[in-house]
């Protein structure tokens, strides 16, 4: 049976991108069900998830929500789905930085919301100090990974860690955030993925607009 993946707007939903990219890069077949946020179609989400959030993976009548749960569920059934680095030290680090993203970086989420088709150049110094610190932390993680494992991905070969940070890389593109060279190399690697390019092209032609993101006035700490 083919999976169904319930997603939100491709332009705005970063968690949808993670699950979609994981399935796509794993070479797995799935049906995409798009429920644009803040529309009548979005009301259907209650049919798929008690949490009423995306993404949701449907395997027949089995619903799996939350991206981490989706990774684990799929990998338990399909050995060809990519996963974590096999080296114990690399895997420990990869899992740790993925968990750090999953549960944190609220400043980046708030001040640099996903908006793939937009270009809004920002100076890092205009962001809240806490957001600036988060960007620096991301740069540090990416640089350490590149220095240790040599790229082109965070741990050499493509892994779930790269999926987790793909939307962060694309946020930095949207807001033209100036990054250190190793961090920028990771952003460029993400942009070069054919799957990411296909997602971005689909984002560009979506008819929906979320006004409070498109016209966001970022809070600036003077």
Protein backbone atom coordinates (compact mmCIF):
# COMPACT_ATOMS: atom_id res chain seq x y z
CA UNK A 1 0.00 0.00 0.00
CA UNK A 2 1.29 3.46 -0.91
CA UNK A 3 1.78 5.95 1.90
CA UNK A 4 -0.19 9.16 1.98
CA UNK A 5 1.58 12.23 3.33
CA UNK A 6 -0.61 15.03 4.63
CA UNK A 7 1.18 18.36 4.33
CA UNK A 8 0.42 22.07 4.60
CA UNK A 9 1.46 24.82 2.20
CA UNK A 10 4.82 24.05 0.63
CA UNK A 11 5.78 27.69 0.89
CA UNK A 12 5.20 28.01 4.61
CA UNK A 13 5.25 24.59 6.31
CA UNK A 14 8.79 23.66 7.32
CA UNK A 15 7.78 20.46 9.12
CA UNK A 16 5.93 19.30 6.01
CA UNK A 17 9.11 19.83 4.02
CA UNK A 18 11.09 17.61 6.40
CA UNK A 19 8.76 14.62 6.09
CA UNK A 20 8.36 15.08 2.32
CA UNK A 21 12.12 15.36 1.79
CA UNK A 22 12.75 12.27 3.93
CA UNK A 23 10.35 10.15 1.87
CA UNK A 24 11.46 11.59 -1.45
CA UNK A 25 15.19 11.17 -0.87
CA UNK A 26 14.54 7.65 0.42
CA UNK A 27 12.98 6.82 -2.95
CA UNK A 28 9.65 5.79 -1.44
CA UNK A 29 6.33 6.13 -3.25
CA UNK A 30 3.67 8.21 -1.56
CA UNK A 31 0.55 10.20 -2.35
CA UNK A 32 0.73 13.85 -1.38
CA UNK A 33 -2.34 15.40 0.23
CA UNK A 34 -1.98 19.17 0.58
CA UNK A 35 -4.15 21.01 3.09
CA UNK A 36 -3.33 24.73 2.89
CA UNK A 37 -3.24 26.42 6.28
CA UNK A 38 -6.03 28.85 7.22
CA UNK A 39 -8.32 27.63 4.43
CA UNK A 40 -11.50 25.55 4.34
CA UNK A 41 -9.42 22.58 3.20
CA UNK A 42 -7.43 22.77 6.43
CA UNK A 43 -10.50 21.67 8.38
CA UNK A 44 -9.92 18.17 7.02
CA UNK A 45 -6.82 17.80 9.20
CA UNK A 46 -8.94 16.39 12.04
CA UNK A 47 -9.64 13.37 9.82
CA UNK A 48 -5.95 12.49 9.91
CA UNK A 49 -4.42 13.65 13.18
CA UNK A 50 -5.73 14.17 16.71
CA UNK A 51 -3.00 16.79 17.12
CA UNK A 52 -4.42 18.67 14.10
CA UNK A 53 -0.96 19.48 12.81
CA UNK A 54 1.08 18.53 9.75
CA UNK A 55 2.80 16.47 8.58
CA UNK A 56 0.88 13.23 9.02
CA UNK A 57 1.87 9.95 7.40
CA UNK A 58 -1.00 7.61 6.62
CA UNK A 59 -0.24 3.92 6.15
CA UNK A 60 -3.66 2.53 5.40
CA UNK A 61 -5.68 3.46 8.48
CA UNK A 62 -2.56 3.97 10.61
CA UNK A 63 -1.73 7.63 11.27
CA UNK A 64 1.77 8.74 12.24
CA UNK A 65 2.17 12.37 13.19
CA UNK A 66 5.28 14.32 14.16
CA UNK A 67 8.31 14.13 11.90
CA UNK A 68 10.47 12.17 14.35
CA UNK A 69 7.77 9.50 14.61
CA UNK A 70 7.51 9.39 10.82
CA UNK A 71 11.26 8.79 10.43
CA UNK A 72 11.16 5.93 12.91
CA UNK A 73 8.01 4.32 11.56
CA UNK A 74 9.23 4.30 7.97
CA UNK A 75 12.73 3.10 8.82
CA UNK A 76 11.30 0.19 10.83
CA UNK A 77 9.64 -1.10 7.65
CA UNK A 78 11.94 -0.05 4.82
CA UNK A 79 15.65 -0.72 5.10
CA UNK A 80 16.32 1.41 2.01
CA UNK A 81 15.08 4.54 3.79
CA UNK A 82 18.09 6.58 4.77
CA UNK A 83 18.71 7.17 8.44
CA UNK A 84 21.45 8.16 10.85
CA UNK A 85 25.21 7.88 10.41
CA UNK A 86 26.47 4.39 11.26
CA UNK A 87 29.54 5.54 13.19
CA UNK A 88 28.51 5.67 16.89
CA UNK A 89 30.11 9.06 17.57
CA UNK A 90 28.66 10.61 14.43
CA UNK A 91 25.26 9.12 15.15
CA UNK A 92 25.26 10.47 18.70
CA UNK A 93 26.05 13.96 17.42
CA UNK A 94 23.55 13.75 14.56
CA UNK A 95 20.75 12.65 16.85
CA UNK A 96 21.64 15.36 19.35
CA UNK A 97 21.65 18.25 16.90
CA UNK A 98 18.43 16.97 15.31
CA UNK A 99 16.77 16.90 18.73
CA UNK A 100 18.12 20.38 19.42
CA UNK A 101 16.36 21.64 16.30
CA UNK A 102 13.18 19.72 17.03
CA UNK A 103 12.76 21.29 20.47
CA UNK A 104 14.37 24.69 20.14
CA UNK A 105 15.48 27.63 18.00
CA UNK A 106 12.27 29.52 18.67
CA UNK A 107 13.85 32.85 17.76
CA UNK A 108 14.68 31.62 14.26
CA UNK A 109 11.18 30.21 13.91
CA UNK A 110 9.58 33.47 15.03
CA UNK A 111 11.75 36.03 13.27
CA UNK A 112 12.67 34.03 10.18
CA UNK A 113 9.51 32.07 9.33
CA UNK A 114 9.61 29.78 6.32
CA UNK A 115 8.62 31.69 3.19
CA UNK A 116 10.49 29.94 0.40
CA UNK A 117 9.39 32.11 -2.52
CA UNK A 118 10.19 35.40 -0.76
CA UNK A 119 13.47 37.30 -0.58
CA UNK A 120 13.70 39.66 2.38
CA UNK A 121 17.33 40.70 3.00
CA UNK A 122 18.05 41.21 6.69
CA UNK A 123 21.12 42.16 8.66
CA UNK A 124 21.76 39.77 11.50
CA UNK A 125 22.39 42.69 13.83
CA UNK A 126 18.77 43.85 13.43
CA UNK A 127 17.45 40.62 14.92
CA UNK A 128 16.87 39.97 18.59
CA UNK A 129 20.05 39.00 20.46
CA UNK A 130 18.57 35.59 21.23
CA UNK A 131 17.93 34.98 17.52
CA UNK A 132 21.45 36.08 16.65
CA UNK A 133 22.76 33.58 19.20
CA UNK A 134 20.68 30.81 17.65
CA UNK A 135 22.04 31.57 14.18
CA UNK A 136 25.56 31.45 15.58
CA UNK A 137 24.79 28.11 17.21
CA UNK A 138 23.57 26.69 13.90
CA UNK A 139 26.72 27.97 12.17
CA UNK A 140 28.83 26.34 14.88
CA UNK A 141 27.10 22.97 14.49
CA UNK A 142 27.38 22.98 10.72
CA UNK A 143 31.03 24.09 10.79
CA UNK A 144 32.02 21.42 13.31
CA UNK A 145 30.28 18.75 11.25
CA UNK A 146 32.02 19.86 8.05
CA UNK A 147 35.40 20.05 9.75
CA UNK A 148 34.98 16.58 11.25
CA UNK A 149 33.30 14.68 8.41
CA UNK A 150 34.34 16.65 5.34
CA UNK A 151 30.94 17.29 3.76
CA UNK A 152 29.18 17.64 1.43
CA UNK A 153 26.57 16.73 4.03
CA UNK A 154 26.78 17.29 7.75
CA UNK A 155 28.04 13.78 8.46
CA UNK A 156 29.56 12.95 5.10
CA UNK A 157 26.67 11.00 3.60
CA UNK A 158 23.12 12.33 3.47
CA UNK A 159 21.24 11.59 6.69
CA UNK A 160 18.22 12.58 8.73
CA UNK A 161 20.29 15.40 10.23
CA UNK A 162 20.41 17.04 6.80
CA UNK A 163 16.64 16.70 6.44
CA UNK A 164 16.10 18.32 9.83
CA UNK A 165 18.23 21.34 8.93
CA UNK A 166 17.11 21.74 5.31
CA UNK A 167 14.30 24.21 6.17
CA UNK A 168 16.73 26.22 8.32
CA UNK A 169 19.07 26.51 5.35
CA UNK A 170 16.20 27.72 3.17
CA UNK A 171 15.18 30.30 5.77
CA UNK A 172 18.70 31.71 5.56
CA UNK A 173 18.23 31.96 1.78
CA UNK A 174 14.90 33.77 2.15
CA UNK A 175 16.30 36.36 4.53
CA UNK A 176 19.74 36.51 2.87
CA UNK A 177 21.50 35.87 6.18
CA UNK A 178 25.25 36.22 5.82
CA UNK A 179 26.92 33.03 7.03
CA UNK A 180 30.42 31.68 7.58
CA UNK A 181 31.83 29.74 4.63
CA UNK A 182 31.15 26.21 5.93
CA UNK A 183 27.58 27.07 6.86
CA UNK A 184 27.05 28.62 3.45
CA UNK A 185 28.42 25.46 1.84
CA UNK A 186 25.70 23.44 3.54
CA UNK A 187 23.03 25.91 2.38
CA UNK A 188 24.32 25.58 -1.18
CA UNK A 189 24.24 21.76 -0.96
CA UNK A 190 20.61 21.87 0.17
CA UNK A 191 19.66 24.27 -2.63
CA UNK A 192 21.32 21.98 -5.19
CA UNK A 193 19.14 18.97 -4.33
CA UNK A 194 16.69 18.27 -7.16
CA UNK A 195 14.01 17.41 -4.61
CA UNK A 196 14.42 20.75 -2.84
CA UNK A 197 14.32 22.57 -6.18
CA UNK A 198 11.08 20.77 -7.06
CA UNK A 199 9.58 21.75 -3.69
CA UNK A 200 10.63 25.38 -4.20
CA UNK A 201 9.13 25.45 -7.69
CA UNK A 202 5.84 24.15 -6.31
CA UNK A 203 6.00 26.75 -3.52
CA UNK A 204 6.35 29.53 -6.06
CA UNK A 205 3.04 28.76 -7.78
CA UNK A 206 0.85 28.07 -4.75
CA UNK A 207 -2.09 30.47 -4.83
CA UNK A 208 -2.46 30.88 -1.07
CA UNK A 209 -0.83 33.68 0.89
CA UNK A 210 -0.49 33.95 4.63
CA UNK A 211 -0.56 37.66 5.20
CA UNK A 212 1.01 37.78 8.65
CA UNK A 213 4.09 36.01 7.27
CA UNK A 214 4.26 37.77 3.92
CA UNK A 215 3.94 41.17 5.59
CA UNK A 216 5.78 40.32 8.77
CA UNK A 217 7.34 43.28 10.52
CA UNK A 218 10.23 41.71 12.33
CA UNK A 219 10.82 42.81 15.85
CA UNK A 220 14.12 44.64 16.10
CA UNK A 221 15.97 44.99 19.35
CA UNK A 222 17.77 48.31 19.24
